[in-house]
C-alpha atoms as a PDB file:
ATOM      1  CA  MET A   1      27.706 -37.705 -31.272  1.00  0.00           C
ATOM      2  CA  ILE A   2      25.372 -36.709 -34.070  1.00  0.00           C
ATOM      3  CA  ILE A   3      24.786 -33.338 -35.735  1.00  0.00           C
ATOM      4  CA  ALA A   4      21.061 -32.794 -36.272  1.00  0.00           C
ATOM      5  CA  ALA A   5      19.253 -30.342 -38.507  1.00  0.00           C
ATOM      6  CA  THR A   6      16.148 -28.575 -37.258  1.00  0.00           C
ATOM      7  CA  GLY A   7      12.933 -28.921 -39.247  1.00  0.00           C
ATOM      8  CA  SER A   8       9.343 -27.787 -38.929  1.00  0.00           C
ATOM      9  CA  LEU A   9       6.109 -28.070 -40.860  1.00  0.00           C
ATOM     10  CA  GLN A  10       5.507 -24.386 -40.288  1.00  0.00           C
ATOM     11  CA  ALA A  11       7.812 -21.730 -38.909  1.00  0.00           C
ATOM     12  CA  GLY A  12       7.779 -17.941 -38.918  1.00  0.00           C
ATOM     13  CA  GLU A  13      10.266 -16.017 -41.037  1.00  0.00           C
ATOM     14  CA  ASN A  14      12.413 -15.118 -38.016  1.00  0.00           C
ATOM     15  CA  THR A  15      12.163 -18.489 -36.301  1.00  0.00           C
ATOM     16  CA  PRO A  16      15.563 -20.229 -36.125  1.00  0.00           C
ATOM     17  CA  ILE A  17      14.670 -23.392 -38.032  1.00  0.00           C
ATOM     18  CA  VAL A  18      16.868 -24.585 -40.890  1.00  0.00           C
ATOM     19  CA  TYR A  19      14.473 -26.689 -43.005  1.00  0.00           C
ATOM     20  CA  ARG A  20      10.786 -25.825 -43.395  1.00  0.00           C
ATOM     21  CA  GLY A  21       8.014 -27.786 -45.054  1.00  0.00           C
ATOM     22  CA  ARG A  22       6.408 -31.198 -45.308  1.00  0.00           C
ATOM     23  CA  TYR A  23       8.490 -34.087 -44.036  1.00  0.00           C
ATOM     24  CA  GLU A  24       8.487 -35.820 -47.424  1.00  0.00           C
ATOM     25  CA  GLU A  25      10.007 -32.637 -48.873  1.00  0.00           C
ATOM     26  CA  ILE A  26      12.582 -31.626 -46.252  1.00  0.00           C
ATOM     27  CA  PHE A  27      13.854 -35.024 -45.071  1.00  0.00           C
ATOM     28  CA  PRO A  28      15.383 -35.883 -48.490  1.00  0.00           C
ATOM     29  CA  MET A  29      17.086 -32.458 -48.440  1.00  0.00           C
ATOM     30  CA  MET A  30      18.542 -33.127 -45.000  1.00  0.00           C
ATOM     31  CA  ALA A  31      19.830 -36.536 -46.063  1.00  0.00           C
ATOM     32  CA  GLU A  32      21.284 -35.191 -49.296  1.00  0.00           C
ATOM     33  CA  ASP A  33      22.994 -32.376 -47.402  1.00  0.00           C
ATOM     34  CA  GLY A  34      24.704 -34.936 -45.159  1.00  0.00           C
ATOM     35  CA  TYR A  35      22.581 -35.136 -41.992  1.00  0.00           C
ATOM     36  CA  HIS A  36      21.748 -38.298 -40.092  1.00  0.00           C
ATOM     37  CA  GLY A  37      19.706 -36.690 -37.299  1.00  0.00           C
ATOM     38  CA  VAL A  38      16.748 -34.346 -37.143  1.00  0.00           C
ATOM     39  CA  GLU A  39      15.264 -32.183 -34.415  1.00  0.00           C
ATOM     40  CA  LEU A  40      11.621 -31.497 -35.186  1.00  0.00           C
ATOM     41  CA  HIS A  41       9.839 -28.452 -33.848  1.00  0.00           C
ATOM     42  CA  ILE A  42       6.213 -29.454 -33.432  1.00  0.00           C
ATOM     43  CA  ARG A  43       3.448 -27.311 -32.012  1.00  0.00           C
ATOM     44  CA  ASP A  44       1.264 -30.282 -31.022  1.00  0.00           C
ATOM     45  CA  SER A  45       2.082 -33.902 -31.858  1.00  0.00           C
ATOM     46  CA  ARG A  46      -1.631 -34.585 -32.290  1.00  0.00           C
ATOM     47  CA  GLU A  47      -1.482 -32.426 -35.434  1.00  0.00           C
ATOM     48  CA  ILE A  48       0.944 -34.748 -37.251  1.00  0.00           C
ATOM     49  CA  ASP A  49       0.699 -38.210 -38.822  1.00  0.00           C
ATOM     50  CA  ARG A  50       3.098 -40.263 -36.689  1.00  0.00           C
ATOM     51  CA  LYS A  51       3.035 -43.248 -39.068  1.00  0.00           C
ATOM     52  CA  GLU A  52       3.983 -41.027 -41.985  1.00  0.00           C
ATOM     53  CA  LEU A  53       6.695 -39.392 -39.909  1.00  0.00           C
ATOM     54  CA  GLU A  54       8.243 -42.774 -39.110  1.00  0.00           C
ATOM     55  CA  LYS A  55       7.971 -43.800 -42.754  1.00  0.00           C
ATOM     56  CA  GLN A  56       9.786 -40.685 -43.945  1.00  0.00           C
ATOM     57  CA  LEU A  57      12.466 -40.925 -41.251  1.00  0.00           C
ATOM     58  CA  GLY A  58      13.170 -44.538 -42.209  1.00  0.00           C
ATOM     59  CA  LYS A  59      13.116 -43.840 -45.925  1.00  0.00           C
ATOM     60  CA  ASN A  60      15.753 -41.123 -45.504  1.00  0.00           C
ATOM     61  CA  ARG A  61      17.767 -42.955 -42.812  1.00  0.00           C
ATOM     62  CA  LEU A  62      17.270 -40.186 -40.286  1.00  0.00           C
ATOM     63  CA  ILE A  63      17.113 -40.463 -36.501  1.00  0.00           C
ATOM     64  CA  LEU A  64      14.756 -38.267 -34.509  1.00  0.00           C
ATOM     65  CA  THR A  65      17.074 -36.812 -31.867  1.00  0.00           C
ATOM     66  CA  SER A  66      14.818 -34.258 -30.213  1.00  0.00           C
ATOM     67  CA  ILE A  67      11.570 -32.309 -30.316  1.00  0.00           C
ATOM     68  CA  GLY A  68      11.314 -28.537 -29.858  1.00  0.00           C
ATOM     69  CA  THR A  69       8.103 -27.496 -28.124  1.00  0.00           C
ATOM     70  CA  GLY A  70       8.071 -23.698 -27.802  1.00  0.00           C
ATOM     71  CA  ALA A  71       5.420 -23.096 -30.467  1.00  0.00           C
ATOM     72  CA  ALA A  72       2.698 -24.261 -28.050  1.00  0.00           C
ATOM     73  CA  TYR A  73       3.587 -21.416 -25.687  1.00  0.00           C
ATOM     74  CA  GLY A  74       3.468 -18.906 -28.510  1.00  0.00           C
ATOM     75  CA  ALA A  75       0.176 -20.225 -29.894  1.00  0.00           C
ATOM     76  CA  TRP A  76      -1.798 -21.064 -26.747  1.00  0.00           C
ATOM     77  CA  HIS A  77       0.339 -19.926 -23.811  1.00  0.00           C
ATOM     78  CA  TRP A  78       0.551 -23.475 -22.465  1.00  0.00           C
ATOM     79  CA  ASN A  79       3.293 -23.583 -19.832  1.00  0.00           C
ATOM     80  CA  ILE A  80       4.227 -25.575 -16.740  1.00  0.00           C
ATOM     81  CA  GLY A  81       4.691 -22.599 -14.411  1.00  0.00           C
ATOM     82  CA  SER A  82       1.297 -20.977 -14.905  1.00  0.00           C
ATOM     83  CA  HIS A  83      -1.076 -20.015 -12.111  1.00  0.00           C
ATOM     84  CA  ASP A  84      -3.856 -21.339 -14.360  1.00  0.00           C
ATOM     85  CA  ARG A  85      -4.207 -25.035 -13.556  1.00  0.00           C
ATOM     86  CA  GLU A  86      -5.852 -25.698 -16.927  1.00  0.00           C
ATOM     87  CA  LEU A  87      -2.952 -24.175 -18.848  1.00  0.00           C
ATOM     88  CA  ARG A  88      -0.541 -26.338 -16.853  1.00  0.00           C
ATOM     89  CA  ARG A  89      -2.635 -29.432 -17.562  1.00  0.00           C
ATOM     90  CA  LYS A  90      -2.683 -28.683 -21.281  1.00  0.00           C
ATOM     91  CA  ALA A  91       1.072 -28.082 -21.283  1.00  0.00           C
ATOM     92  CA  ILE A  92       1.751 -31.438 -19.594  1.00  0.00           C
ATOM     93  CA  GLU A  93      -0.699 -33.195 -21.906  1.00  0.00           C
ATOM     94  CA  CYS A  94       0.995 -31.632 -24.941  1.00  0.00           C
ATOM     95  CA  LEU A  95       4.449 -32.644 -23.709  1.00  0.00           C
ATOM     96  CA  GLU A  96       3.228 -36.200 -23.117  1.00  0.00           C
ATOM     97  CA  GLU A  97       2.026 -36.345 -26.725  1.00  0.00           C
ATOM     98  CA  HIS A  98       5.515 -35.312 -27.822  1.00  0.00           C
ATOM     99  CA  MET A  99       6.909 -38.157 -25.695  1.00  0.00           C
ATOM    100  CA  ILE A 100       4.722 -40.597 -27.635  1.00  0.00           C
ATOM    101  CA  THR A 101       6.162 -39.205 -30.883  1.00  0.00           C
ATOM    102  CA  ALA A 102       9.711 -39.411 -29.516  1.00  0.00           C
ATOM    103  CA  ALA A 103       9.411 -42.858 -27.930  1.00  0.00           C
ATOM    104  CA  PRO A 104      10.440 -45.019 -30.944  1.00  0.00           C
ATOM    105  CA  HIS A 105      13.762 -43.143 -31.045  1.00  0.00           C
ATOM    106  CA  HIS A 106      14.178 -42.558 -27.288  1.00  0.00           C
ATOM    107  CA  ALA A 107      14.513 -38.907 -28.253  1.00  0.00           C
ATOM    108  CA  LEU A 108      14.680 -35.848 -26.019  1.00  0.00           C
ATOM    109  CA  ILE A 109      11.849 -33.380 -25.403  1.00  0.00           C
ATOM    110  CA  ILE A 110      12.933 -29.774 -24.931  1.00  0.00           C
ATOM    111  CA  ILE A 111      11.279 -27.660 -22.253  1.00  0.00           C
ATOM    112  CA  GLY A 112      12.190 -24.111 -23.169  1.00  0.00           C
ATOM    113  CA  SER A 113       9.505 -21.488 -23.618  1.00  0.00           C
ATOM    114  CA  MET A 114       6.977 -23.925 -22.168  1.00  0.00           C
ATOM    115  CA  GLN A 115       8.502 -23.394 -18.735  1.00  0.00           C
ATOM    116  CA  GLY A 116       6.740 -20.015 -18.817  1.00  0.00           C
ATOM    117  CA  ARG A 117       7.690 -16.700 -17.196  1.00  0.00           C
ATOM    118  CA  PHE A 118       7.223 -15.268 -13.716  1.00  0.00           C
ATOM    119  CA  ARG A 119       4.330 -13.163 -15.050  1.00  0.00           C
ATOM    120  CA  ASP A 120       2.415 -16.387 -15.782  1.00  0.00           C
ATOM    121  CA  ALA A 121       2.035 -16.961 -12.024  1.00  0.00           C
ATOM    122  CA  LEU A 122       0.907 -14.770  -9.135  1.00  0.00           C
ATOM    123  CA  SER A 123       4.396 -14.720  -7.654  1.00  0.00           C
ATOM    124  CA  GLU A 124       7.938 -15.926  -8.270  1.00  0.00           C
ATOM    125  CA  GLU A 125       7.502 -18.499  -5.514  1.00  0.00           C
ATOM    126  CA  GLU A 126       4.305 -19.892  -7.039  1.00  0.00           C
ATOM    127  CA  PHE A 127       5.947 -20.110 -10.466  1.00  0.00           C
ATOM    128  CA  ILE A 128       8.912 -22.090  -9.127  1.00  0.00           C
ATOM    129  CA  ASN A 129       6.649 -24.418  -7.143  1.00  0.00           C
ATOM    130  CA  ASN A 130       4.508 -25.060 -10.232  1.00  0.00           C
ATOM    131  CA  VAL A 131       7.591 -25.780 -12.360  1.00  0.00           C
ATOM    132  CA  GLU A 132       8.965 -28.198  -9.750  1.00  0.00           C
ATOM    133  CA  GLU A 133       5.672 -30.049  -9.413  1.00  0.00           C
ATOM    134  CA  SER A 134       5.122 -30.199 -13.177  1.00  0.00           C
ATOM    135  CA  LEU A 135       8.625 -31.523 -13.769  1.00  0.00           C
ATOM    136  CA  TYR A 136       8.015 -34.385 -11.339  1.00  0.00           C
ATOM    137  CA  LEU A 137       4.859 -35.321 -13.263  1.00  0.00           C
ATOM    138  CA  LEU A 138       6.705 -35.067 -16.588  1.00  0.00           C
ATOM    139  CA  ASP A 139       9.662 -37.012 -15.230  1.00  0.00           C
ATOM    140  CA  ARG A 140       7.432 -39.951 -14.361  1.00  0.00           C
ATOM    141  CA  LEU A 141       5.977 -39.863 -17.871  1.00  0.00           C
ATOM    142  CA  ALA A 142       9.459 -39.711 -19.394  1.00  0.00           C
ATOM    143  CA  VAL A 143      10.413 -42.866 -17.473  1.00  0.00           C
ATOM    144  CA  GLN A 144       7.274 -44.554 -18.800  1.00  0.00           C
ATOM    145  CA  TYR A 145       8.003 -43.620 -22.444  1.00  0.00           C
ATOM    146  CA  GLU A 146      11.772 -44.091 -22.138  1.00  0.00           C
ATOM    147  CA  VAL A 147      12.589 -40.597 -23.347  1.00  0.00           C
ATOM    148  CA  SER A 148      14.540 -37.701 -21.846  1.00  0.00           C
ATOM    149  CA  LEU A 149      13.645 -34.117 -20.962  1.00  0.00           C
ATOM    150  CA  GLY A 150      15.969 -31.202 -21.613  1.00  0.00           C
ATOM    151  CA  TYR A 151      15.320 -28.163 -19.436  1.00  0.00           C
ATOM    152  CA  GLU A 152      16.594 -25.269 -21.521  1.00  0.00           C
ATOM    153  CA  ILE A 153      18.851 -22.661 -19.977  1.00  0.00           C
ATOM    154  CA  MET A 154      17.776 -19.442 -21.706  1.00  0.00           C
ATOM    155  CA  ASN A 155      19.278 -15.974 -21.389  1.00  0.00           C
ATOM    156  CA  HIS A 156      17.912 -13.379 -18.960  1.00  0.00           C
ATOM    157  CA  TYR A 157      16.076 -11.506 -21.725  1.00  0.00           C
ATOM    158  CA  GLU A 158      13.959 -14.588 -22.507  1.00  0.00           C
ATOM    159  CA  SER A 159      13.781 -16.287 -19.102  1.00  0.00           C
ATOM    160  CA  ASP A 160      13.299 -15.212 -15.487  1.00  0.00           C
ATOM    161  CA  PHE A 161      14.518 -18.492 -14.021  1.00  0.00           C
ATOM    162  CA  LEU A 162      17.769 -20.450 -14.344  1.00  0.00           C
ATOM    163  CA  TYR A 163      19.480 -18.409 -17.051  1.00  0.00           C
ATOM    164  CA  ARG A 164      23.016 -19.580 -16.252  1.00  0.00           C
ATOM    165  CA  ILE A 165      24.151 -23.181 -16.583  1.00  0.00           C
ATOM    166  CA  GLU A 166      25.429 -23.325 -12.994  1.00  0.00           C
ATOM    167  CA  ASP A 167      21.965 -22.279 -11.787  1.00  0.00           C
ATOM    168  CA  GLY A 168      20.446 -25.141 -13.746  1.00  0.00           C
ATOM    169  CA  VAL A 169      22.902 -27.611 -12.238  1.00  0.00           C
ATOM    170  CA  ARG A 170      22.125 -26.371  -8.736  1.00  0.00           C
ATOM    171  CA  PHE A 171      18.385 -26.702  -9.374  1.00  0.00           C
ATOM    172  CA  LEU A 172      18.653 -30.283 -10.640  1.00  0.00           C
ATOM    173  CA  GLU A 173      20.947 -31.286  -7.794  1.00  0.00           C
ATOM    174  CA  GLU A 174      18.255 -30.157  -5.362  1.00  0.00           C
ATOM    175  CA  HIS A 175      15.679 -32.496  -6.920  1.00  0.00           C
ATOM    176  CA  SER A 176      15.442 -36.188  -7.663  1.00  0.00           C
ATOM    177  CA  TYR A 177      14.355 -36.205 -11.296  1.00  0.00           C
ATOM    178  CA  LYS A 178      15.364 -39.341 -13.182  1.00  0.00           C
ATOM    179  CA  ARG A 179      15.009 -38.214 -16.794  1.00  0.00           C
ATOM    180  CA  VAL A 180      15.516 -34.443 -16.615  1.00  0.00           C
ATOM    181  CA  GLY A 181      18.803 -32.904 -17.689  1.00  0.00           C
ATOM    182  CA  LEU A 182      20.000 -29.573 -19.034  1.00  0.00           C
ATOM    183  CA  HIS A 183      19.612 -28.336 -22.565  1.00  0.00           C
ATOM    184  CA  ILE A 184      22.131 -25.624 -23.456  1.00  0.00           C
ATOM    185  CA  ASP A 185      22.206 -23.216 -26.390  1.00  0.00           C
ATOM    186  CA  THR A 186      25.308 -21.376 -27.561  1.00  0.00           C
ATOM    187  CA  VAL A 187      23.425 -18.148 -28.298  1.00  0.00           C
ATOM    188  CA  HIS A 188      22.013 -17.998 -24.775  1.00  0.00           C
ATOM    189  CA  MET A 189      25.423 -18.926 -23.371  1.00  0.00           C
ATOM    190  CA  ASN A 190      27.049 -16.087 -25.321  1.00  0.00           C
ATOM    191  CA  ILE A 191      24.879 -13.631 -23.375  1.00  0.00           C
ATOM    192  CA  ASP A 192      25.083 -14.935 -19.810  1.00  0.00           C
ATOM    193  CA  GLU A 193      28.197 -17.122 -19.543  1.00  0.00           C
ATOM    194  CA  SER A 194      31.650 -15.575 -19.142  1.00  0.00           C
ATOM    195  CA  ASP A 195      33.581 -18.735 -20.078  1.00  0.00           C
ATOM    196  CA  LEU A 196      31.735 -21.095 -22.398  1.00  0.00           C
ATOM    197  CA  GLY A 197      34.095 -24.054 -22.168  1.00  0.00           C
ATOM    198  CA  ASN A 198      34.345 -24.021 -18.393  1.00  0.00           C
ATOM    199  CA  ALA A 199      30.580 -23.563 -18.024  1.00  0.00           C
ATOM    200  CA  ILE A 200      30.197 -26.814 -19.961  1.00  0.00           C
ATOM    201  CA  ARG A 201      32.928 -28.588 -18.002  1.00  0.00           C
ATOM    202  CA  ARG A 202      31.412 -27.592 -14.648  1.00  0.00           C
ATOM    203  CA  ALA A 203      27.992 -28.907 -15.704  1.00  0.00           C
ATOM    204  CA  GLY A 204      29.401 -32.242 -16.814  1.00  0.00           C
ATOM    205  CA  SER A 205      26.902 -35.053 -17.263  1.00  0.00           C
ATOM    206  CA  TRP A 206      23.931 -32.810 -16.488  1.00  0.00           C
ATOM    207  CA  ILE A 207      24.123 -31.613 -20.112  1.00  0.00           C
ATOM    208  CA  ARG A 208      21.824 -33.793 -22.216  1.00  0.00           C
ATOM    209  CA  HIS A 209      21.252 -31.699 -25.355  1.00  0.00           C
ATOM    210  CA  VAL A 210      22.980 -28.868 -27.204  1.00  0.00           C
ATOM    211  CA  HIS A 211      21.757 -26.220 -29.653  1.00  0.00           C
ATOM    212  CA  LEU A 212      24.427 -24.730 -31.869  1.00  0.00           C
ATOM    213  CA  ALA A 213      24.251 -21.365 -33.624  1.00  0.00           C
ATOM    214  CA  ASP A 214      26.734 -18.561 -34.030  1.00  0.00           C
ATOM    215  CA  ASN A 215      26.486 -15.442 -31.895  1.00  0.00           C
ATOM    216  CA  ASP A 216      24.169 -13.819 -34.478  1.00  0.00           C
ATOM    217  CA  ARG A 217      21.946 -16.945 -34.619  1.00  0.00           C
ATOM    218  CA  TYR A 218      23.213 -17.705 -38.135  1.00  0.00           C
ATOM    219  CA  TYR A 219      24.948 -20.985 -38.999  1.00  0.00           C
ATOM    220  CA  PRO A 220      28.187 -21.827 -37.134  1.00  0.00           C
ATOM    221  CA  GLY A 221      31.116 -20.129 -38.807  1.00  0.00           C
ATOM    222  CA  HIS A 222      29.138 -17.046 -39.777  1.00  0.00           C
ATOM    223  CA  GLY A 223      29.981 -15.012 -36.646  1.00  0.00           C
ATOM    224  CA  HIS A 224      32.642 -14.937 -33.929  1.00  0.00           C
ATOM    225  CA  MET A 225      31.620 -17.775 -31.577  1.00  0.00           C
ATOM    226  CA  ASP A 226      34.528 -19.961 -30.441  1.00  0.00           C
ATOM    227  CA  PHE A 227      33.191 -23.374 -31.391  1.00  0.00           C
ATOM    228  CA  ARG A 228      36.540 -25.058 -30.836  1.00  0.00           C
ATOM    229  CA  GLU A 229      36.285 -24.209 -27.149  1.00  0.00           C
ATOM    230  CA  ILE A 230      32.671 -25.371 -27.046  1.00  0.00           C
ATOM    231  CA  LEU A 231      33.468 -28.693 -28.722  1.00  0.00           C
ATOM    232  CA  GLN A 232      36.518 -29.143 -26.495  1.00  0.00           C
ATOM    233  CA  GLY A 233      34.349 -28.602 -23.433  1.00  0.00           C
ATOM    234  CA  LEU A 234      31.860 -31.199 -24.696  1.00  0.00           C
ATOM    235  CA  LYS A 235      34.677 -33.641 -25.413  1.00  0.00           C
ATOM    236  CA  ASP A 236      36.092 -33.134 -21.917  1.00  0.00           C
ATOM    237  CA  ILE A 237      32.789 -34.131 -20.292  1.00  0.00           C
ATOM    238  CA  GLY A 238      32.304 -37.111 -22.601  1.00  0.00           C
ATOM    239  CA  TYR A 239      29.155 -35.680 -24.173  1.00  0.00           C
ATOM    240  CA  ASP A 240      27.735 -38.087 -26.743  1.00  0.00           C
ATOM    241  CA  GLY A 241      24.295 -36.561 -27.375  1.00  0.00           C
ATOM    242  CA  ALA A 242      23.088 -34.522 -30.331  1.00  0.00           C
ATOM    243  CA  LEU A 243      24.291 -31.159 -31.572  1.00  0.00           C
ATOM    244  CA  ALA A 244      21.187 -29.581 -33.101  1.00  0.00           C
ATOM    245  CA  LEU A 245      21.384 -26.544 -35.374  1.00  0.00           C
ATOM    246  CA  GLU A 246      18.866 -23.944 -34.224  1.00  0.00           C
ATOM    247  CA  THR A 247      19.776 -21.220 -36.720  1.00  0.00           C
ATOM    248  CA  PHE A 248      18.183 -18.822 -39.155  1.00  0.00           C
ATOM    249  CA  CYS A 249      17.759 -20.407 -42.586  1.00  0.00           C
ATOM    250  CA  ARG A 250      19.486 -17.509 -44.320  1.00  0.00           C
ATOM    251  CA  PRO A 251      20.318 -17.027 -47.111  1.00  0.00           C
ATOM    252  CA  ASP A 252      18.367 -20.267 -47.645  1.00  0.00           C
ATOM    253  CA  SER A 253      17.938 -23.683 -46.036  1.00  0.00           C
ATOM    254  CA  ARG A 254      20.349 -25.590 -48.243  1.00  0.00           C
ATOM    255  CA  THR A 255      23.177 -23.048 -47.964  1.00  0.00           C
ATOM    256  CA  CYS A 256      22.715 -22.787 -44.213  1.00  0.00           C
ATOM    257  CA  GLY A 257      22.538 -26.549 -43.695  1.00  0.00           C
ATOM    258  CA  ARG A 258      25.537 -27.360 -45.855  1.00  0.00           C
ATOM    259  CA  LYS A 259      27.811 -24.587 -44.559  1.00  0.00           C
ATOM    260  CA  ALA A 260      27.013 -25.455 -40.940  1.00  0.00           C
ATOM    261  CA  LEU A 261      27.743 -29.144 -41.411  1.00  0.00           C
ATOM    262  CA  GLU A 262      30.952 -28.502 -43.351  1.00  0.00           C
ATOM    263  CA  TYR A 263      32.260 -26.145 -40.670  1.00  0.00           C
ATOM    264  CA  LEU A 264      31.314 -28.359 -37.736  1.00  0.00           C
ATOM    265  CA  ARG A 265      32.799 -31.470 -39.328  1.00  0.00           C
ATOM    266  CA  PHE A 266      36.049 -29.575 -39.918  1.00  0.00           C
ATOM    267  CA  LEU A 267      36.222 -28.447 -36.284  1.00  0.00           C
ATOM    268  CA  SER A 268      35.148 -31.844 -34.975  1.00  0.00           C
ATOM    269  CA  GLU A 269      38.031 -33.505 -36.787  1.00  0.00           C
ATOM    270  CA  GLU A 270      40.394 -31.066 -35.090  1.00  0.00           C
ATOM    271  CA  VAL A 271      38.960 -31.638 -31.628  1.00  0.00           C
ATOM    272  CA  TYR A 272      37.794 -35.263 -31.720  1.00  0.00           C
ATOM    273  CA  GLY A 273      39.664 -36.772 -34.631  1.00  0.00           C
ATOM    274  CA  LYS A 274      38.097 -38.163 -37.785  1.00  0.00           C
ATOM    275  CA  ASN A 275      34.773 -40.035 -38.002  1.00  0.00           C
ATOM    276  CA  LYS A 276      33.346 -38.736 -34.708  1.00  0.00           C
ATOM    277  CA  THR A 277      30.232 -37.042 -36.119  1.00  0.00           C
END
């Protein structure tokens, strides 16, 4: 299991990204602060220099664990549930480009905001049908590029569909996707799950990616989230994927990154034993 820092070329002040700036600037910071993995939030992979990205990852001995994709929904409203066929096409095309970026590392592509909302379709039924159909198309592409897709379970304030982990499990069990699993986030879980550890245990191997942040979306250890129970739940299901920090970078990136890693390593030693992260 690897703890990954989030990074982005550009991110709004209130966007929960730890490190912000050019890769040649933030990757050395991540490495110096003790990280071995990075989750990049990229609006459109066609906007980046993939060769330079690989160069900087290698130079700083970082692994690309995952790609966050929600900025494309905010910027252009591209989403896979839309009534607008062109918006769906652009969303799938954008996600495929992220798969190309992720392919050298067999990384995971997050589908969070890009799933869309019920209001993006003419009806709830149409939205769900569009999501199902789009996921089958994306699943075939994920097989081709040898990457994974993480369907994010978001709280009921930010999502109309599948906002509890058990709902996500039920949805995936009803379909035959090969590369689609669940992406969970502790902040969303804090809102809609009554028992965080058992929610994880019941989902089992369907969980493919995890975002960690305290209840206030600051770095773990800042608030009152029970991360021991969360880590114990992940240990019980044999989870060996990434733990990515999707937190505010307050008071600053370096403080946030270092405090989060120190706290999580301390708890991981308690739960897993030494040298597990």
